[in-house]
Amino acid sequence: MEESVINGKGLWNAEGGRGGQERRQAGQSRVAHRAMMTATAIMAAVGLMGAVASPISAQSYPTKPIRFILPMAPGGGVDIVGRMIAPMLAERLGQAVVPENRPGGGGNVGLEYVAKARPDGYTLVIATATIAMSPALYKKLNYDPIKDLAPISRTSQIQNLLLVHPSVPAKNLKELVAYAKANPGKLNCGTSGVGGPAHLAGELLKSLAKIDIVFVAYKSVGTAVISLISGEINMMVCNVSTASPHIQAGKARALAVLSDKRLTSLPNVPTAKEAGVENLEMALWHGILAPAGTPRNIINRLNAEWVKIAAMPDTREKMQKAGVEPLSDTPEQFSQFLKAEIERWTKVIREANIPRID
């Protein structure tokens, strides 16, 4: 048996000597290398599974009913449009889309509820122009329209009309302005709340025409309309979908559409500019949003489905009969539009010196 002495500190045989130690170290190195390669392969496989799982998840969504929050009271434009859209989405998604009214705070109660909901695609909200007005109107909001909500797509647009009760001695907008100037403070203008679209449109008319009218705030558009047709108030700005039945019944008279073009559903009603007041324009838009943090593949799925729905001839026909113009855009376009609307209405509210709401 071969032996050797190393520095006088002991004898190592062939199995336990330097050669044996090197072989053991090499063997351990190979084992460690194989373990590392195995772990790397497992991690790569897991990563590949994750990459494959993402589109599968998008395709399988939704697997249960979706809550569709309508942040205004029943009877108004948001309620009408939301209940039109819900079954359209349900048919495309293969799951129930359940409308749920959560009114209050000019729409902010429902918007805050969704902003704080779980971002899993099963709680959505349909917002309107009030979401862009609230930052300038309220001293404190419990949500941030930009940071706490994820835009999906605009869905529609409704034009507003200037309505009067049939007892008002004005057949057109010029006569209404003349009557208001001759009778300052006599005309009562109903609104759906301080700072809402109807109120701001009325303030805009008041400023442009230099007239003195008194605003009467109600809890919703629906309740204000009831007061108008009963004669409790003289005038109001109202969306065409809510106003049309009352116009057709002769319970309200439309003096002008607050747009740059006439409506196909009411071709005899002039625009405000045609009726003598320029720059009196206000469309009521709607859009779907989800809580911020909702997975992008779900946002994209919802957007893609709505784009398809909005392009369908049946959709356009159904919505246009109700005075609603279908719209669609990308989440990025909707986000930029929302930011621009916030800037626009912040300027209008400040110039009108409307006090901020606690």
Protein backbone atom coordinates (compact mmCIF):
# COMPACT_ATOMS: atom_id res chain seq x y z
CA MET A 1 0.00 0.00 0.00
CA GLU A 2 1.43 3.29 -1.03
CA GLU A 3 1.94 5.80 1.73
CA SER A 4 3.39 9.28 1.94
CA VAL A 5 4.24 11.73 4.69
CA ILE A 6 3.03 15.32 4.30
CA ASN A 7 5.04 17.82 6.32
CA GLY A 8 5.38 15.24 9.04
CA LYS A 9 1.76 15.66 10.12
CA GLY A 10 0.40 12.23 9.28
CA LEU A 11 0.01 9.44 6.73
CA TRP A 12 -2.59 9.50 3.93
CA ASN A 13 -3.32 6.33 2.02
CA ALA A 14 -4.50 6.15 -1.59
CA GLU A 15 -8.16 6.39 -0.65
CA GLY A 16 -7.69 9.09 1.96
CA GLY A 17 -4.78 10.97 0.41
CA ARG A 18 -4.70 14.10 -1.75
CA GLY A 19 -5.94 12.26 -4.87
CA GLY A 20 -8.92 10.82 -3.00
CA GLN A 21 -9.83 14.22 -1.58
CA GLU A 22 -9.71 15.81 -5.04
CA ARG A 23 -11.97 13.09 -6.43
CA ARG A 24 -14.45 13.59 -3.61
CA GLN A 25 -14.43 17.36 -4.15
CA ALA A 26 -14.96 16.90 -7.89
CA GLY A 27 -17.85 14.55 -7.22
CA GLN A 28 -19.43 17.01 -4.82
CA SER A 29 -19.00 19.77 -7.39
CA ARG A 30 -20.77 17.69 -10.04
CA VAL A 31 -23.64 16.95 -7.65
CA ALA A 32 -23.96 20.65 -6.79
CA HIS A 33 -23.87 21.58 -10.48
CA ARG A 34 -26.59 19.05 -11.29
CA ALA A 35 -28.72 20.40 -8.40
CA MET A 36 -28.27 23.96 -9.61
CA MET A 37 -29.20 23.01 -13.17
CA THR A 38 -32.27 21.16 -11.92
CA ALA A 39 -33.36 24.17 -9.84
CA THR A 40 -32.83 26.49 -12.82
CA ALA A 41 -34.91 24.22 -15.03
CA ILE A 42 -37.71 24.14 -12.45
CA MET A 43 -37.69 27.93 -12.15
CA ALA A 44 -37.77 28.32 -15.92
CA ALA A 45 -40.69 25.91 -16.14
CA VAL A 46 -42.56 27.81 -13.44
CA GLY A 47 -41.92 31.08 -15.29
CA LEU A 48 -43.19 29.55 -18.52
CA MET A 49 -46.30 28.29 -16.74
CA GLY A 50 -46.91 31.78 -15.39
CA ALA A 51 -46.55 33.31 -18.83
CA VAL A 52 -49.01 30.79 -20.24
CA ALA A 53 -51.42 31.18 -17.30
CA SER A 54 -51.92 34.92 -17.82
CA PRO A 55 -53.81 34.78 -21.15
CA ILE A 56 -55.69 31.71 -19.96
CA SER A 57 -56.86 33.73 -16.96
CA ALA A 58 -58.01 36.53 -19.25
CA GLN A 59 -59.94 34.09 -21.39
CA SER A 60 -61.62 32.42 -18.41
CA TYR A 61 -62.71 35.72 -16.78
CA PRO A 62 -65.39 36.15 -15.58
CA THR A 63 -66.36 33.05 -13.60
CA LYS A 64 -69.09 34.69 -11.50
CA PRO A 65 -71.56 37.62 -11.71
CA ILE A 66 -70.18 41.16 -11.94
CA ARG A 67 -71.54 44.00 -9.82
CA PHE A 68 -72.17 47.10 -11.93
CA ILE A 69 -72.45 50.14 -9.67
CA LEU A 70 -74.69 52.98 -10.86
CA PRO A 71 -73.68 55.95 -8.65
CA MET A 72 -76.87 57.92 -9.25
CA ALA A 73 -80.51 57.44 -8.25
CA PRO A 74 -82.97 55.56 -10.49
CA GLY A 75 -84.52 57.53 -13.33
CA GLY A 76 -81.54 59.64 -14.36
CA GLY A 77 -79.25 59.34 -17.36
CA VAL A 78 -76.63 57.22 -15.59
CA ASP A 79 -79.30 54.78 -14.45
CA ILE A 80 -80.87 54.55 -17.90
CA VAL A 81 -77.56 54.06 -19.72
CA GLY A 82 -76.19 51.67 -17.12
CA ARG A 83 -79.22 49.42 -17.35
CA MET A 84 -78.94 49.42 -21.15
CA ILE A 85 -75.26 48.47 -21.06
CA ALA A 86 -75.40 45.76 -18.37
CA PRO A 87 -77.25 43.10 -20.42
CA MET A 88 -75.09 43.85 -23.46
CA LEU A 89 -71.94 43.15 -21.45
CA ALA A 90 -73.50 40.09 -19.84
CA GLU A 91 -74.22 38.54 -23.21
CA ARG A 92 -70.64 38.99 -24.38
CA LEU A 93 -69.02 37.94 -21.09
CA GLY A 94 -71.23 34.94 -20.40
CA GLN A 95 -71.96 36.05 -16.83
CA ALA A 96 -74.63 38.24 -15.24
CA VAL A 97 -73.77 41.93 -14.95
CA VAL A 98 -75.95 43.14 -12.10
CA PRO A 99 -76.82 46.89 -11.92
CA GLU A 100 -76.80 48.28 -8.39
CA ASN A 101 -77.74 51.89 -7.55
CA ARG A 102 -75.51 53.54 -4.93
CA PRO A 103 -76.46 57.24 -5.12
CA GLY A 104 -75.24 60.08 -2.96
CA GLY A 105 -72.73 62.91 -2.90
CA GLY A 106 -73.19 63.76 -6.57
CA GLY A 107 -72.13 60.26 -7.53
CA ASN A 108 -69.15 60.16 -5.17
CA VAL A 109 -70.62 57.55 -2.80
CA GLY A 110 -70.75 54.94 -5.54
CA LEU A 111 -67.42 55.99 -7.04
CA GLU A 112 -65.69 55.78 -3.66
CA TYR A 113 -67.23 52.35 -3.08
CA VAL A 114 -65.71 51.02 -6.30
CA ALA A 115 -62.39 52.81 -5.73
CA LYS A 116 -62.03 50.84 -2.49
CA ALA A 117 -63.37 47.54 -3.82
CA ARG A 118 -61.24 44.49 -4.48
CA PRO A 119 -59.47 44.97 -7.84
CA ASP A 120 -60.48 41.63 -9.35
CA GLY A 121 -62.78 42.73 -12.17
CA TYR A 122 -65.99 41.81 -10.36
CA THR A 123 -66.92 45.35 -9.27
CA LEU A 124 -67.27 48.02 -11.95
CA VAL A 125 -68.82 51.48 -12.07
CA ILE A 126 -70.33 53.65 -14.77
CA ALA A 127 -69.27 57.24 -14.25
CA THR A 128 -70.37 60.46 -15.85
CA ALA A 129 -69.08 64.02 -16.08
CA THR A 130 -69.54 64.52 -12.33
CA ILE A 131 -66.37 62.52 -11.70
CA ALA A 132 -64.45 65.30 -13.46
CA MET A 133 -66.25 68.06 -11.54
CA SER A 134 -65.92 66.66 -8.04
CA PRO A 135 -62.21 67.43 -7.45
CA ALA A 136 -62.94 71.17 -7.77
CA LEU A 137 -66.31 71.03 -6.01
CA TYR A 138 -65.52 69.10 -2.83
CA LYS A 139 -63.08 70.17 -0.17
CA LYS A 140 -62.23 66.54 0.48
CA LEU A 141 -62.85 63.45 -1.60
CA ASN A 142 -62.27 60.02 -0.13
CA TYR A 143 -60.88 58.79 -3.43
CA ASP A 144 -58.76 60.13 -6.27
CA PRO A 145 -60.44 59.82 -9.70
CA ILE A 146 -57.07 59.37 -11.41
CA LYS A 147 -55.11 57.29 -8.89
CA ASP A 148 -57.86 55.08 -7.44
CA LEU A 149 -59.84 54.11 -10.55
CA ALA A 150 -58.79 52.37 -13.77
CA PRO A 151 -60.52 53.62 -16.94
CA ILE A 152 -61.82 50.91 -19.28
CA SER A 153 -63.70 52.81 -22.00
CA ARG A 154 -66.14 55.61 -22.55
CA THR A 155 -69.45 54.05 -23.48
CA SER A 156 -71.80 56.79 -24.55
CA GLN A 157 -72.79 60.42 -24.70
CA ILE A 158 -76.13 62.08 -24.05
CA GLN A 159 -76.93 65.61 -25.06
CA ASN A 160 -78.57 67.97 -22.62
CA LEU A 161 -81.68 70.05 -23.25
CA LEU A 162 -82.89 73.28 -21.71
CA LEU A 163 -86.46 72.58 -20.59
CA VAL A 164 -89.24 74.80 -19.30
CA HIS A 165 -92.67 74.04 -17.89
CA PRO A 166 -95.45 74.77 -20.45
CA SER A 167 -96.72 77.60 -18.24
CA VAL A 168 -93.53 79.62 -18.77
CA PRO A 169 -94.33 82.42 -21.29
CA ALA A 170 -91.32 81.71 -23.53
CA LYS A 171 -91.45 79.72 -26.76
CA ASN A 172 -87.71 79.90 -27.42
CA LEU A 173 -84.42 80.69 -25.68
CA LYS A 174 -84.37 84.35 -26.72
CA GLU A 175 -87.81 84.87 -25.17
CA LEU A 176 -86.71 83.05 -22.01
CA VAL A 177 -83.68 85.32 -21.63
CA ALA A 178 -85.85 88.39 -22.20
CA TYR A 179 -88.40 87.20 -19.64
CA ALA A 180 -85.67 86.46 -17.07
CA LYS A 181 -84.17 89.92 -17.52
CA ALA A 182 -87.59 91.53 -17.09
CA ASN A 183 -88.32 89.41 -14.03
CA PRO A 184 -85.02 88.95 -12.12
CA GLY A 185 -85.10 86.17 -9.55
CA LYS A 186 -88.54 84.94 -10.61
CA LEU A 187 -87.51 81.84 -12.55
CA ASN A 188 -86.63 78.77 -10.51
CA CYS A 189 -84.15 76.37 -12.12
CA GLY A 190 -84.07 72.80 -10.83
CA THR A 191 -80.81 70.87 -10.50
CA SER A 192 -79.72 67.42 -9.38
CA GLY A 193 -77.52 68.97 -6.71
CA VAL A 194 -75.00 71.76 -6.23
CA GLY A 195 -72.15 71.38 -8.67
CA GLY A 196 -73.83 68.71 -10.77
CA PRO A 197 -74.01 68.93 -14.58
CA ALA A 198 -77.47 70.52 -14.53
CA HIS A 199 -76.36 73.13 -12.01
CA LEU A 200 -73.17 74.00 -13.87
CA ALA A 201 -75.06 74.23 -17.18
CA GLY A 202 -77.54 76.59 -15.50
CA GLU A 203 -74.70 78.66 -14.06
CA LEU A 204 -73.17 78.82 -17.52
CA LEU A 205 -76.46 80.08 -18.98
CA LYS A 206 -76.80 82.59 -16.17
CA SER A 207 -73.29 83.91 -16.84
CA LEU A 208 -73.52 83.98 -20.64
CA ALA A 209 -77.00 85.55 -20.82
CA LYS A 210 -76.47 87.85 -17.82
CA ILE A 211 -79.72 86.79 -16.15
CA ASP A 212 -80.78 86.27 -12.54
CA ILE A 213 -82.35 82.85 -11.87
CA VAL A 214 -82.77 80.91 -8.62
CA PHE A 215 -81.41 77.38 -8.35
CA VAL A 216 -83.34 74.68 -6.51
CA ALA A 217 -81.34 71.55 -5.69
CA TYR A 218 -82.91 68.08 -5.67
CA LYS A 219 -81.47 64.68 -4.80
CA SER A 220 -81.53 63.46 -8.38
CA VAL A 221 -82.43 64.35 -11.95
CA GLY A 222 -85.52 62.18 -11.63
CA THR A 223 -86.92 64.11 -8.67
CA ALA A 224 -86.14 67.45 -10.34
CA VAL A 225 -88.00 66.35 -13.49
CA ILE A 226 -91.03 65.41 -11.39
CA SER A 227 -91.02 68.92 -9.93
CA LEU A 228 -90.70 70.45 -13.39
CA ILE A 229 -93.63 68.60 -14.95
CA SER A 230 -95.77 69.33 -11.89
CA GLY A 231 -95.00 73.05 -12.20
CA GLU A 232 -93.13 73.43 -8.91
CA ILE A 233 -90.11 74.76 -10.80
CA ASN A 234 -89.98 76.70 -14.07
CA MET A 235 -86.96 75.32 -15.87
CA MET A 236 -84.02 72.93 -15.78
CA VAL A 237 -81.24 71.38 -17.87
CA CYS A 238 -81.91 67.69 -18.43
CA ASN A 239 -80.48 64.91 -20.57
CA VAL A 240 -82.48 64.01 -23.66
CA SER A 241 -83.12 60.38 -22.66
CA THR A 242 -84.86 61.45 -19.45
CA ALA A 243 -86.61 64.45 -21.01
CA SER A 244 -87.94 62.92 -24.25
CA PRO A 245 -91.01 61.13 -22.82
CA HIS A 246 -92.13 64.30 -21.04
CA ILE A 247 -91.56 66.43 -24.14
CA GLN A 248 -93.61 64.01 -26.23
CA ALA A 249 -96.37 64.04 -23.60
CA GLY A 250 -96.49 67.86 -23.67
CA LYS A 251 -95.48 68.14 -20.02
CA ALA A 252 -92.23 69.96 -20.77
CA ARG A 253 -91.02 72.21 -23.59
CA ALA A 254 -87.48 71.96 -25.01
CA LEU A 255 -86.02 75.35 -25.92
CA ALA A 256 -82.50 74.34 -26.96
CA VAL A 257 -80.07 71.45 -27.18
CA LEU A 258 -76.74 72.21 -25.50
CA SER A 259 -74.62 70.99 -28.38
CA ASP A 260 -73.06 72.16 -31.61
CA LYS A 261 -75.56 70.18 -33.67
CA ARG A 262 -79.24 69.26 -33.54
CA LEU A 263 -80.45 65.86 -32.42
CA THR A 264 -81.86 63.40 -34.92
CA SER A 265 -84.44 62.39 -32.31
CA LEU A 266 -85.60 66.02 -31.84
CA PRO A 267 -84.82 67.72 -35.16
CA ASN A 268 -87.04 70.74 -34.45
CA VAL A 269 -85.17 71.76 -31.31
CA PRO A 270 -82.43 74.30 -32.19
CA THR A 271 -78.96 74.37 -30.70
CA ALA A 272 -78.28 77.01 -28.05
CA LYS A 273 -76.17 78.92 -30.58
CA GLU A 274 -79.00 78.87 -33.13
CA ALA A 275 -81.34 80.02 -30.37
CA GLY A 276 -79.18 83.03 -29.57
CA VAL A 277 -76.70 81.98 -26.84
CA GLU A 278 -73.20 80.96 -27.93
CA ASN A 279 -70.85 78.64 -26.00
CA LEU A 280 -73.70 77.05 -24.05
CA GLU A 281 -72.62 73.46 -24.68
CA MET A 282 -72.57 70.51 -22.30
CA ALA A 283 -72.75 66.85 -23.25
CA LEU A 284 -73.21 64.18 -20.60
CA TRP A 285 -70.69 61.40 -21.21
CA HIS A 286 -70.45 58.00 -19.54
CA GLY A 287 -67.61 55.56 -19.07
CA ILE A 288 -66.80 52.29 -17.31
CA LEU A 289 -64.08 52.15 -14.66
CA ALA A 290 -62.68 49.50 -12.33
CA PRO A 291 -60.70 49.77 -9.09
CA ALA A 292 -57.07 50.72 -9.63
CA GLY A 293 -54.87 47.64 -9.60
CA THR A 294 -57.30 45.52 -11.60
CA PRO A 295 -55.17 43.16 -13.74
CA ARG A 296 -54.41 44.60 -17.13
CA ASN A 297 -55.61 41.48 -18.95
CA ILE A 298 -59.06 41.95 -17.39
CA ILE A 299 -59.10 45.67 -18.30
CA ASN A 300 -58.19 44.73 -21.86
CA ARG A 301 -60.87 42.02 -22.01
CA LEU A 302 -63.60 44.39 -20.83
CA ASN A 303 -62.42 47.09 -23.22
CA ALA A 304 -62.34 44.71 -26.18
CA GLU A 305 -65.86 43.46 -25.47
CA TRP A 306 -67.28 46.97 -25.18
CA VAL A 307 -65.58 48.10 -28.42
CA LYS A 308 -67.29 45.19 -30.19
CA ILE A 309 -70.64 45.96 -28.56
CA ALA A 310 -70.49 49.68 -29.42
CA ALA A 311 -69.83 48.88 -33.08
CA MET A 312 -72.86 46.62 -33.44
CA PRO A 313 -75.73 48.09 -35.51
CA ASP A 314 -78.26 46.81 -32.97
CA THR A 315 -76.46 48.65 -30.19
CA ARG A 316 -76.41 51.92 -32.10
CA GLU A 317 -80.08 51.62 -33.02
CA LYS A 318 -81.18 50.81 -29.49
CA MET A 319 -79.12 53.55 -27.85
CA GLN A 320 -79.95 56.21 -30.41
CA LYS A 321 -83.66 55.62 -29.90
CA ALA A 322 -83.09 56.60 -26.28
CA GLY A 323 -81.15 59.70 -27.32
CA VAL A 324 -77.80 58.10 -26.50
CA GLU A 325 -74.78 58.10 -28.80
CA PRO A 326 -72.55 55.02 -28.31
CA LEU A 327 -68.81 55.65 -27.91
CA SER A 328 -65.68 53.59 -27.35
CA ASP A 329 -61.99 54.26 -26.90
CA THR A 330 -58.88 52.69 -25.36
CA PRO A 331 -58.15 52.79 -21.62
CA GLU A 332 -55.32 55.22 -22.37
CA GLN A 333 -57.56 57.52 -24.39
CA PHE A 334 -60.22 57.48 -21.69
CA SER A 335 -57.58 58.28 -19.08
CA GLN A 336 -56.33 61.30 -21.03
CA PHE A 337 -59.91 62.46 -21.67
CA LEU A 338 -60.72 62.24 -17.95
CA LYS A 339 -57.66 64.31 -17.03
CA ALA A 340 -58.62 66.96 -19.60
CA GLU A 341 -62.21 67.07 -18.29
CA ILE A 342 -60.99 67.59 -14.75
CA GLU A 343 -58.91 70.56 -15.91
CA ARG A 344 -61.83 71.97 -17.92
CA TRP A 345 -64.40 71.84 -15.15
CA THR A 346 -61.99 73.04 -12.50
CA LYS A 347 -61.63 76.23 -14.55
CA VAL A 348 -65.42 76.62 -15.06
CA ILE A 349 -66.18 76.09 -11.36
CA ARG A 350 -63.56 78.55 -10.20
CA GLU A 351 -64.66 81.22 -12.68
CA ALA A 352 -68.29 80.78 -11.52
CA ASN A 353 -67.12 81.23 -7.90
CA ILE A 354 -69.04 78.16 -6.79
CA PRO A 355 -68.20 77.49 -3.13
CA ARG A 356 -66.60 74.14 -2.37
CA ILE A 357 -68.73 71.55 -0.63
CA ASP A 358 -67.70 70.16 2.76
